[in-house]
Amino acid sequence: MAEAEAINIDLEIIVHGAQGRSKPELRLWLRMLSTTKLISQEIRRRLRTEFGATLPQFDLMAQLYREKDGLRLGELSKRTMVTNGNVTGLVERLEADGYVRRVTPDGDRRVTVAKLTDVGTTLFATMAAAHESWLQDMMADADPRMISALWSEIGAVKTSASNHLSGSAYE
């Protein structure tokens, strides 16, 4: 893990070099990006190793776990930021594994709703607990007060960025 961290830190230095010291917005963006990449790669590895699952499968199951009545595939696509075609493939795979079922409410074949099965619900609860534990482990060396402060401060950065988007508003 230290090697991966060194690679990310080196990428930050390589990208902005000595001149980056005068570009705090660029440095912050690169630090947030490299940190997100570092954590995401480890979460992906652990999901694959411990559960034979992908991060998109985990994300899709998380959405369904929150919605006991299930979600239309189009809504799943929006919430997971995955194309409709990829959502269909994810749902088909999870259905084949017995974790998701598709239903057509009121017999309307134009509408497909995905729901977690009981087995899927149990599996996701186990995966979510592991996910939380992994994040706690990866952030164990960071002071909890600092984590809380960063959460708030990065929220201000997010708000500023969303206030300056071109086109449609941030969702």
N, C-alpha and C. Protein backbone atom coordinates (compact mmCIF):
# COMPACT_ATOMS: atom_id res chain seq x y z
N MET A 1 0.83 -1.19 0.00
CA MET A 1 0.00 0.00 0.00
C MET A 1 0.87 1.26 0.00
N ALA A 2 1.97 1.24 0.74
CA ALA A 2 2.86 2.39 0.76
C ALA A 2 3.40 2.68 -0.63
N GLU A 3 3.65 1.62 -1.41
CA GLU A 3 4.13 1.79 -2.79
C GLU A 3 3.10 2.53 -3.63
N ALA A 4 1.82 2.14 -3.51
CA ALA A 4 0.76 2.83 -4.26
C ALA A 4 0.68 4.29 -3.85
N GLU A 5 0.81 4.56 -2.55
CA GLU A 5 0.77 5.94 -2.08
C GLU A 5 1.93 6.74 -2.67
N ALA A 6 3.12 6.14 -2.68
CA ALA A 6 4.28 6.82 -3.24
C ALA A 6 4.06 7.12 -4.72
N ILE A 7 3.46 6.20 -5.45
CA ILE A 7 3.19 6.43 -6.87
C ILE A 7 2.25 7.61 -7.02
N ASN A 8 1.18 7.68 -6.21
CA ASN A 8 0.24 8.79 -6.30
C ASN A 8 0.91 10.13 -5.94
N ILE A 9 1.71 10.13 -4.90
CA ILE A 9 2.40 11.36 -4.52
C ILE A 9 3.33 11.78 -5.64
N ASP A 10 4.06 10.81 -6.21
CA ASP A 10 4.95 11.13 -7.32
C ASP A 10 4.18 11.70 -8.49
N LEU A 11 3.00 11.16 -8.79
CA LEU A 11 2.19 11.69 -9.88
C LEU A 11 1.80 13.15 -9.62
N GLU A 12 1.49 13.47 -8.38
CA GLU A 12 1.16 14.85 -8.05
C GLU A 12 2.36 15.75 -8.33
N ILE A 13 3.55 15.32 -7.94
CA ILE A 13 4.76 16.11 -8.14
C ILE A 13 5.07 16.22 -9.63
N ILE A 14 4.96 15.10 -10.34
CA ILE A 14 5.25 15.10 -11.77
C ILE A 14 4.32 16.04 -12.52
N VAL A 15 3.03 15.98 -12.19
CA VAL A 15 2.05 16.78 -12.92
C VAL A 15 2.25 18.26 -12.70
N HIS A 16 2.49 18.69 -11.46
CA HIS A 16 2.58 20.14 -11.26
C HIS A 16 3.98 20.60 -10.87
N GLY A 17 4.88 19.71 -10.54
CA GLY A 17 6.28 20.06 -10.30
C GLY A 17 6.47 21.23 -9.36
N ALA A 18 7.59 21.87 -9.48
CA ALA A 18 7.93 22.99 -8.60
C ALA A 18 7.00 24.17 -8.80
N GLN A 19 6.49 24.35 -10.02
CA GLN A 19 5.60 25.47 -10.29
C GLN A 19 4.25 25.30 -9.60
N GLY A 20 3.91 24.05 -9.22
CA GLY A 20 2.63 23.77 -8.58
C GLY A 20 2.44 24.48 -7.27
N ARG A 21 3.54 24.90 -6.65
CA ARG A 21 3.44 25.57 -5.36
C ARG A 21 2.62 26.86 -5.47
N SER A 22 2.59 27.44 -6.63
CA SER A 22 1.85 28.68 -6.80
C SER A 22 0.45 28.43 -7.37
N LYS A 23 0.04 27.16 -7.45
CA LYS A 23 -1.26 26.81 -8.00
C LYS A 23 -2.04 25.95 -7.00
N PRO A 24 -2.53 26.56 -5.93
CA PRO A 24 -3.16 25.76 -4.87
C PRO A 24 -4.41 25.00 -5.34
N GLU A 25 -5.19 25.58 -6.26
CA GLU A 25 -6.40 24.90 -6.72
C GLU A 25 -6.03 23.63 -7.49
N LEU A 26 -5.01 23.72 -8.32
CA LEU A 26 -4.54 22.55 -9.07
C LEU A 26 -4.00 21.49 -8.12
N ARG A 27 -3.22 21.90 -7.15
CA ARG A 27 -2.64 20.96 -6.18
C ARG A 27 -3.74 20.27 -5.38
N LEU A 28 -4.75 21.02 -4.95
CA LEU A 28 -5.85 20.42 -4.20
C LEU A 28 -6.61 19.42 -5.05
N TRP A 29 -6.91 19.81 -6.28
CA TRP A 29 -7.64 18.91 -7.18
C TRP A 29 -6.86 17.61 -7.40
N LEU A 30 -5.57 17.73 -7.66
CA LEU A 30 -4.74 16.54 -7.87
C LEU A 30 -4.67 15.68 -6.61
N ARG A 31 -4.59 16.31 -5.45
CA ARG A 31 -4.54 15.56 -4.19
C ARG A 31 -5.86 14.81 -3.96
N MET A 32 -6.99 15.49 -4.20
CA MET A 32 -8.29 14.82 -4.03
C MET A 32 -8.43 13.68 -5.03
N LEU A 33 -8.03 13.92 -6.27
CA LEU A 33 -8.12 12.90 -7.32
C LEU A 33 -7.25 11.69 -7.00
N SER A 34 -6.01 11.94 -6.61
CA SER A 34 -5.11 10.82 -6.32
C SER A 34 -5.54 10.05 -5.08
N THR A 35 -6.10 10.74 -4.09
CA THR A 35 -6.59 10.06 -2.89
C THR A 35 -7.80 9.20 -3.23
N THR A 36 -8.72 9.74 -4.03
CA THR A 36 -9.88 8.98 -4.45
C THR A 36 -9.47 7.74 -5.24
N LYS A 37 -8.51 7.91 -6.13
CA LYS A 37 -8.04 6.79 -6.94
C LYS A 37 -7.39 5.72 -6.05
N LEU A 38 -6.57 6.13 -5.13
CA LEU A 38 -5.90 5.22 -4.22
C LEU A 38 -6.92 4.38 -3.43
N ILE A 39 -7.89 5.04 -2.84
CA ILE A 39 -8.90 4.34 -2.03
C ILE A 39 -9.78 3.47 -2.91
N SER A 40 -10.22 3.99 -4.05
CA SER A 40 -11.08 3.21 -4.96
C SER A 40 -10.40 1.94 -5.43
N GLN A 41 -9.12 2.03 -5.78
CA GLN A 41 -8.39 0.85 -6.23
C GLN A 41 -8.35 -0.22 -5.14
N GLU A 42 -8.14 0.20 -3.90
CA GLU A 42 -8.09 -0.76 -2.80
C GLU A 42 -9.47 -1.35 -2.52
N ILE A 43 -10.50 -0.52 -2.56
CA ILE A 43 -11.87 -1.03 -2.36
C ILE A 43 -12.20 -2.04 -3.45
N ARG A 44 -11.88 -1.72 -4.70
CA ARG A 44 -12.12 -2.65 -5.81
C ARG A 44 -11.39 -3.97 -5.58
N ARG A 45 -10.14 -3.90 -5.16
CA ARG A 45 -9.36 -5.11 -4.93
C ARG A 45 -9.98 -5.97 -3.83
N ARG A 46 -10.38 -5.33 -2.74
CA ARG A 46 -10.96 -6.07 -1.61
C ARG A 46 -12.32 -6.65 -1.96
N LEU A 47 -13.15 -5.90 -2.69
CA LEU A 47 -14.44 -6.44 -3.13
C LEU A 47 -14.25 -7.68 -3.99
N ARG A 48 -13.31 -7.59 -4.91
CA ARG A 48 -13.04 -8.71 -5.82
C ARG A 48 -12.51 -9.92 -5.04
N THR A 49 -11.56 -9.67 -4.13
CA THR A 49 -10.92 -10.75 -3.38
C THR A 49 -11.87 -11.41 -2.39
N GLU A 50 -12.58 -10.59 -1.64
CA GLU A 50 -13.40 -11.13 -0.55
C GLU A 50 -14.81 -11.54 -0.96
N PHE A 51 -15.34 -10.91 -2.02
CA PHE A 51 -16.73 -11.20 -2.39
C PHE A 51 -16.91 -11.58 -3.85
N GLY A 52 -15.85 -11.52 -4.64
CA GLY A 52 -15.98 -11.80 -6.07
C GLY A 52 -16.89 -10.81 -6.76
N ALA A 53 -16.90 -9.58 -6.24
CA ALA A 53 -17.80 -8.54 -6.76
C ALA A 53 -17.00 -7.37 -7.31
N THR A 54 -17.65 -6.60 -8.16
CA THR A 54 -17.05 -5.39 -8.70
C THR A 54 -17.62 -4.18 -7.96
N LEU A 55 -16.94 -3.05 -8.07
CA LEU A 55 -17.45 -1.82 -7.45
C LEU A 55 -18.79 -1.40 -8.06
N PRO A 56 -18.97 -1.49 -9.40
CA PRO A 56 -20.29 -1.17 -9.95
C PRO A 56 -21.40 -2.08 -9.41
N GLN A 57 -21.10 -3.36 -9.21
CA GLN A 57 -22.11 -4.26 -8.62
C GLN A 57 -22.44 -3.82 -7.20
N PHE A 58 -21.41 -3.49 -6.43
CA PHE A 58 -21.61 -3.01 -5.06
C PHE A 58 -22.46 -1.74 -5.06
N ASP A 59 -22.14 -0.79 -5.94
CA ASP A 59 -22.89 0.46 -6.01
C ASP A 59 -24.35 0.23 -6.38
N LEU A 60 -24.59 -0.65 -7.33
CA LEU A 60 -25.96 -0.96 -7.74
C LEU A 60 -26.73 -1.61 -6.59
N MET A 61 -26.09 -2.56 -5.93
CA MET A 61 -26.74 -3.21 -4.79
C MET A 61 -27.03 -2.22 -3.67
N ALA A 62 -26.12 -1.24 -3.48
CA ALA A 62 -26.33 -0.22 -2.45
C ALA A 62 -27.59 0.59 -2.73
N GLN A 63 -27.80 0.94 -3.99
CA GLN A 63 -29.01 1.68 -4.36
C GLN A 63 -30.26 0.85 -4.10
N LEU A 64 -30.21 -0.41 -4.46
CA LEU A 64 -31.37 -1.28 -4.25
C LEU A 64 -31.61 -1.55 -2.76
N TYR A 65 -30.56 -1.61 -1.99
CA TYR A 65 -30.67 -1.84 -0.55
C TYR A 65 -31.43 -0.69 0.11
N ARG A 66 -31.23 0.53 -0.40
CA ARG A 66 -31.90 1.71 0.15
C ARG A 66 -33.37 1.79 -0.26
N GLU A 67 -33.72 1.11 -1.34
CA GLU A 67 -35.08 1.19 -1.89
C GLU A 67 -35.72 -0.20 -1.85
N LYS A 68 -36.41 -0.49 -0.77
CA LYS A 68 -36.96 -1.83 -0.57
C LYS A 68 -37.94 -2.24 -1.67
N ASP A 69 -38.61 -1.26 -2.29
CA ASP A 69 -39.55 -1.57 -3.37
C ASP A 69 -38.85 -1.70 -4.72
N GLY A 70 -37.54 -1.52 -4.73
CA GLY A 70 -36.77 -1.63 -5.96
C GLY A 70 -36.73 -0.32 -6.73
N LEU A 71 -36.02 -0.35 -7.84
CA LEU A 71 -35.88 0.83 -8.69
C LEU A 71 -36.00 0.43 -10.15
N ARG A 72 -36.57 1.34 -10.93
CA ARG A 72 -36.57 1.15 -12.38
C ARG A 72 -35.13 1.18 -12.87
N LEU A 73 -34.87 0.46 -13.95
CA LEU A 73 -33.50 0.40 -14.46
C LEU A 73 -32.98 1.78 -14.86
N GLY A 74 -33.84 2.63 -15.42
CA GLY A 74 -33.42 3.99 -15.78
C GLY A 74 -33.00 4.80 -14.58
N GLU A 75 -33.72 4.63 -13.48
CA GLU A 75 -33.37 5.33 -12.24
C GLU A 75 -32.05 4.80 -11.68
N LEU A 76 -31.85 3.50 -11.77
CA LEU A 76 -30.58 2.91 -11.35
C LEU A 76 -29.43 3.49 -12.17
N SER A 77 -29.66 3.65 -13.46
CA SER A 77 -28.65 4.21 -14.34
C SER A 77 -28.27 5.62 -13.89
N LYS A 78 -29.27 6.44 -13.58
CA LYS A 78 -29.01 7.81 -13.12
C LYS A 78 -28.25 7.83 -11.80
N ARG A 79 -28.71 7.02 -10.87
CA ARG A 79 -28.12 7.04 -9.53
C ARG A 79 -26.70 6.48 -9.49
N THR A 80 -26.41 5.54 -10.36
CA THR A 80 -25.08 4.94 -10.36
C THR A 80 -24.18 5.57 -11.41
N MET A 81 -24.72 6.47 -12.22
CA MET A 81 -23.97 7.13 -13.30
C MET A 81 -23.36 6.10 -14.25
N VAL A 82 -24.15 5.07 -14.55
CA VAL A 82 -23.78 4.00 -15.47
C VAL A 82 -24.80 4.01 -16.60
N THR A 83 -24.37 3.75 -17.82
CA THR A 83 -25.30 3.76 -18.95
C THR A 83 -26.40 2.72 -18.77
N ASN A 84 -27.53 2.94 -19.43
CA ASN A 84 -28.65 1.98 -19.36
C ASN A 84 -28.20 0.58 -19.75
N GLY A 85 -27.40 0.48 -20.82
CA GLY A 85 -26.94 -0.83 -21.26
C GLY A 85 -26.08 -1.53 -20.22
N ASN A 86 -25.20 -0.77 -19.58
CA ASN A 86 -24.36 -1.37 -18.54
C ASN A 86 -25.17 -1.74 -17.30
N VAL A 87 -26.18 -0.94 -16.97
CA VAL A 87 -27.04 -1.29 -15.83
C VAL A 87 -27.75 -2.60 -16.12
N THR A 88 -28.25 -2.75 -17.34
CA THR A 88 -28.93 -3.99 -17.71
C THR A 88 -27.97 -5.17 -17.54
N GLY A 89 -26.73 -5.03 -18.01
CA GLY A 89 -25.75 -6.10 -17.85
C GLY A 89 -25.45 -6.41 -16.40
N LEU A 90 -25.32 -5.38 -15.57
CA LEU A 90 -25.07 -5.58 -14.14
C LEU A 90 -26.24 -6.31 -13.49
N VAL A 91 -27.45 -5.86 -13.81
CA VAL A 91 -28.64 -6.49 -13.24
C VAL A 91 -28.74 -7.95 -13.69
N GLU A 92 -28.49 -8.21 -14.96
CA GLU A 92 -28.55 -9.59 -15.47
C GLU A 92 -27.56 -10.48 -14.74
N ARG A 93 -26.34 -9.98 -14.51
CA ARG A 93 -25.33 -10.77 -13.81
C ARG A 93 -25.74 -11.03 -12.37
N LEU A 94 -26.20 -9.99 -11.68
CA LEU A 94 -26.63 -10.14 -10.29
C LEU A 94 -27.87 -11.03 -10.18
N GLU A 95 -28.71 -10.99 -11.20
CA GLU A 95 -29.89 -11.86 -11.23
C GLU A 95 -29.46 -13.31 -11.41
N ALA A 96 -28.51 -13.55 -12.31
CA ALA A 96 -28.01 -14.91 -12.54
C ALA A 96 -27.37 -15.48 -11.27
N ASP A 97 -26.77 -14.61 -10.46
CA ASP A 97 -26.15 -15.04 -9.21
C ASP A 97 -27.16 -15.18 -8.07
N GLY A 98 -28.41 -14.76 -8.31
CA GLY A 98 -29.45 -14.90 -7.30
C GLY A 98 -29.56 -13.74 -6.33
N TYR A 99 -28.92 -12.60 -6.64
CA TYR A 99 -28.91 -11.46 -5.72
C TYR A 99 -29.95 -10.41 -6.05
N VAL A 100 -30.41 -10.40 -7.29
CA VAL A 100 -31.39 -9.41 -7.76
C VAL A 100 -32.46 -10.14 -8.55
N ARG A 101 -33.67 -9.60 -8.50
CA ARG A 101 -34.73 -10.10 -9.39
C ARG A 101 -35.37 -8.91 -10.08
N ARG A 102 -35.83 -9.18 -11.29
CA ARG A 102 -36.52 -8.14 -12.06
C ARG A 102 -38.00 -8.45 -12.05
N VAL A 103 -38.78 -7.40 -11.90
CA VAL A 103 -40.24 -7.54 -11.91
C VAL A 103 -40.83 -6.48 -12.84
N THR A 104 -42.01 -6.77 -13.33
CA THR A 104 -42.74 -5.80 -14.15
C THR A 104 -44.02 -5.44 -13.39
N PRO A 105 -44.01 -4.27 -12.76
CA PRO A 105 -45.18 -3.86 -11.97
C PRO A 105 -46.43 -3.76 -12.84
N ASP A 106 -47.52 -4.21 -12.31
CA ASP A 106 -48.82 -4.14 -12.98
C ASP A 106 -48.80 -4.79 -14.36
N GLY A 107 -47.88 -5.72 -14.57
CA GLY A 107 -47.82 -6.43 -15.84
C GLY A 107 -47.39 -5.57 -17.02
N ASP A 108 -46.90 -4.35 -16.77
CA ASP A 108 -46.47 -3.46 -17.85
C ASP A 108 -45.06 -3.84 -18.26
N ARG A 109 -44.91 -4.51 -19.38
CA ARG A 109 -43.62 -5.03 -19.82
C ARG A 109 -42.66 -3.92 -20.25
N ARG A 110 -43.16 -2.70 -20.39
CA ARG A 110 -42.29 -1.58 -20.73
C ARG A 110 -41.50 -1.10 -19.52
N VAL A 111 -41.94 -1.49 -18.31
CA VAL A 111 -41.30 -1.04 -17.08
C VAL A 111 -40.67 -2.25 -16.38
N THR A 112 -39.39 -2.12 -16.09
CA THR A 112 -38.69 -3.17 -15.36
C THR A 112 -38.12 -2.57 -14.09
N VAL A 113 -38.42 -3.23 -12.98
CA VAL A 113 -37.93 -2.80 -11.68
C VAL A 113 -37.00 -3.89 -11.15
N ALA A 114 -35.85 -3.49 -10.64
CA ALA A 114 -34.91 -4.42 -10.03
C ALA A 114 -35.04 -4.32 -8.52
N LYS A 115 -35.00 -5.48 -7.87
CA LYS A 115 -35.08 -5.56 -6.41
C LYS A 115 -34.04 -6.54 -5.92
N LEU A 116 -33.50 -6.30 -4.73
CA LEU A 116 -32.61 -7.28 -4.12
C LEU A 116 -33.44 -8.46 -3.64
N THR A 117 -32.91 -9.66 -3.81
CA THR A 117 -33.52 -10.84 -3.21
C THR A 117 -33.12 -10.86 -1.73
N ASP A 118 -33.68 -11.78 -0.98
CA ASP A 118 -33.28 -11.92 0.42
C ASP A 118 -31.79 -12.26 0.52
N VAL A 119 -31.33 -13.13 -0.36
CA VAL A 119 -29.90 -13.49 -0.39
C VAL A 119 -29.06 -12.26 -0.74
N GLY A 120 -29.52 -11.46 -1.69
CA GLY A 120 -28.82 -10.25 -2.08
C GLY A 120 -28.77 -9.24 -0.95
N THR A 121 -29.86 -9.12 -0.22
CA THR A 121 -29.92 -8.20 0.92
C THR A 121 -28.92 -8.61 1.99
N THR A 122 -28.88 -9.89 2.28
CA THR A 122 -27.94 -10.41 3.29
C THR A 122 -26.50 -10.20 2.83
N LEU A 123 -26.22 -10.53 1.57
CA LEU A 123 -24.87 -10.34 1.04
C LEU A 123 -24.48 -8.87 1.08
N PHE A 124 -25.37 -8.00 0.64
CA PHE A 124 -25.00 -6.58 0.62
C PHE A 124 -24.74 -6.06 2.02
N ALA A 125 -25.54 -6.46 2.99
CA ALA A 125 -25.31 -6.01 4.38
C ALA A 125 -23.92 -6.42 4.85
N THR A 126 -23.50 -7.61 4.49
CA THR A 126 -22.16 -8.09 4.84
C THR A 126 -21.09 -7.28 4.11
N MET A 127 -21.31 -7.04 2.82
CA MET A 127 -20.37 -6.25 2.02
C MET A 127 -20.27 -4.82 2.55
N ALA A 128 -21.40 -4.23 2.91
CA ALA A 128 -21.40 -2.85 3.40
C ALA A 128 -20.64 -2.74 4.72
N ALA A 129 -20.82 -3.72 5.59
CA ALA A 129 -20.08 -3.71 6.87
C ALA A 129 -18.57 -3.83 6.60
N ALA A 130 -18.20 -4.69 5.66
CA ALA A 130 -16.79 -4.84 5.31
C ALA A 130 -16.26 -3.54 4.71
N HIS A 131 -17.03 -2.94 3.82
CA HIS A 131 -16.65 -1.68 3.17
C HIS A 131 -16.38 -0.60 4.21
N GLU A 132 -17.27 -0.48 5.18
CA GLU A 132 -17.09 0.51 6.24
C GLU A 132 -15.82 0.22 7.04
N SER A 133 -15.59 -1.05 7.33
CA SER A 133 -14.40 -1.45 8.06
C SER A 133 -13.13 -1.14 7.27
N TRP A 134 -13.16 -1.38 5.96
CA TRP A 134 -11.99 -1.08 5.12
C TRP A 134 -11.67 0.41 5.14
N LEU A 135 -12.71 1.24 5.04
CA LEU A 135 -12.48 2.68 5.07
C LEU A 135 -11.91 3.13 6.41
N GLN A 136 -12.44 2.56 7.49
CA GLN A 136 -11.91 2.89 8.81
C GLN A 136 -10.45 2.48 8.91
N ASP A 137 -10.13 1.31 8.37
CA ASP A 137 -8.75 0.83 8.38
C ASP A 137 -7.84 1.77 7.58
N MET A 138 -8.27 2.13 6.39
CA MET A 138 -7.43 2.98 5.53
C MET A 138 -7.24 4.38 6.10
N MET A 139 -8.18 4.83 6.93
CA MET A 139 -8.09 6.18 7.49
C MET A 139 -7.73 6.16 8.97
N ALA A 140 -7.26 5.01 9.46
CA ALA A 140 -6.97 4.85 10.89
C ALA A 140 -5.90 5.81 11.39
N ASP A 141 -4.99 6.22 10.54
CA ASP A 141 -3.91 7.11 10.96
C ASP A 141 -4.30 8.58 10.94
N ALA A 142 -5.49 8.88 10.46
CA ALA A 142 -5.97 10.26 10.41
C ALA A 142 -6.83 10.54 11.65
N ASP A 143 -6.58 11.67 12.27
CA ASP A 143 -7.33 12.07 13.47
C ASP A 143 -8.80 12.26 13.11
N PRO A 144 -9.72 11.72 13.91
CA PRO A 144 -11.16 11.86 13.62
C PRO A 144 -11.62 13.31 13.50
N ARG A 145 -11.02 14.22 14.27
CA ARG A 145 -11.39 15.64 14.17
C ARG A 145 -10.98 16.19 12.81
N MET A 146 -9.82 15.75 12.32
CA MET A 146 -9.35 16.20 11.01
C MET A 146 -10.29 15.67 9.92
N ILE A 147 -10.71 14.43 10.05
CA ILE A 147 -11.64 13.85 9.06
C ILE A 147 -12.93 14.67 9.03
N SER A 148 -13.44 15.01 10.20
CA SER A 148 -14.66 15.81 10.28
C SER A 148 -14.46 17.20 9.67
N ALA A 149 -13.33 17.80 9.96
CA ALA A 149 -13.04 19.14 9.41
C ALA A 149 -12.88 19.08 7.89
N LEU A 150 -12.18 18.06 7.41
CA LEU A 150 -12.00 17.91 5.96
C LEU A 150 -13.33 17.70 5.26
N TRP A 151 -14.20 16.90 5.87
CA TRP A 151 -15.52 16.65 5.29
C TRP A 151 -16.24 17.98 5.07
N SER A 152 -16.20 18.83 6.06
CA SER A 152 -16.85 20.14 5.96
C SER A 152 -16.14 21.04 4.94
N GLU A 153 -14.84 21.09 4.99
CA GLU A 153 -14.09 21.98 4.10
C GLU A 153 -14.17 21.53 2.64
N ILE A 154 -14.10 20.23 2.40
CA ILE A 154 -14.23 19.75 1.03
C ILE A 154 -15.67 19.98 0.54
N GLY A 155 -16.62 19.97 1.46
CA GLY A 155 -18.00 20.34 1.11
C GLY A 155 -18.07 21.75 0.57
N ALA A 156 -17.29 22.65 1.14
CA ALA A 156 -17.26 24.04 0.65
C ALA A 156 -16.65 24.09 -0.75
N VAL A 157 -15.61 23.28 -0.99
CA VAL A 157 -15.00 23.21 -2.32
C VAL A 157 -16.01 22.66 -3.32
N LYS A 158 -16.75 21.63 -2.92
CA LYS A 158 -17.78 21.04 -3.79
C LYS A 158 -18.86 22.07 -4.12
N THR A 159 -19.28 22.82 -3.12
CA THR A 159 -20.29 23.86 -3.35
C THR A 159 -19.78 24.91 -4.31
N SER A 160 -18.55 25.35 -4.11
CA SER A 160 -17.97 26.34 -5.01
C SER A 160 -17.91 25.81 -6.44
N ALA A 161 -17.45 24.58 -6.59
CA ALA A 161 -17.37 23.98 -7.93
C ALA A 161 -18.75 23.90 -8.57
N SER A 162 -19.74 23.46 -7.80
CA SER A 162 -21.09 23.33 -8.37
C SER A 162 -21.69 24.69 -8.71
N ASN A 163 -21.28 25.74 -8.01
CA ASN A 163 -21.77 27.09 -8.32
C ASN A 163 -21.20 27.63 -9.63
N HIS A 164 -20.15 27.00 -10.12
CA HIS A 164 -19.48 27.51 -11.31
C HIS A 164 -19.48 26.53 -12.48
N LEU A 165 -20.43 25.60 -12.46
CA LEU A 165 -20.55 24.66 -13.57
C LEU A 165 -21.18 25.32 -14.76
N SER A 166 -20.74 24.95 -15.94
CA SER A 166 -21.42 25.42 -17.15
C SER A 166 -22.47 24.38 -17.51
N GLY A 167 -23.51 24.79 -18.15
CA GLY A 167 -24.57 23.85 -18.53
C GLY A 167 -25.51 23.59 -17.36
N SER A 168 -25.98 22.35 -17.27
CA SER A 168 -26.99 22.00 -16.28
C SER A 168 -26.39 21.96 -14.87
N ALA A 169 -27.24 22.09 -13.89
CA ALA A 169 -26.83 22.09 -12.49
C ALA A 169 -26.32 20.73 -12.07
N TYR A 170 -25.47 20.74 -11.04
CA TYR A 170 -24.89 19.52 -10.49
C TYR A 170 -25.99 18.67 -9.87
N GLU A 171 -25.93 17.36 -10.09
CA GLU A 171 -26.92 16.45 -9.49
C GLU A 171 -26.26 15.57 -8.48
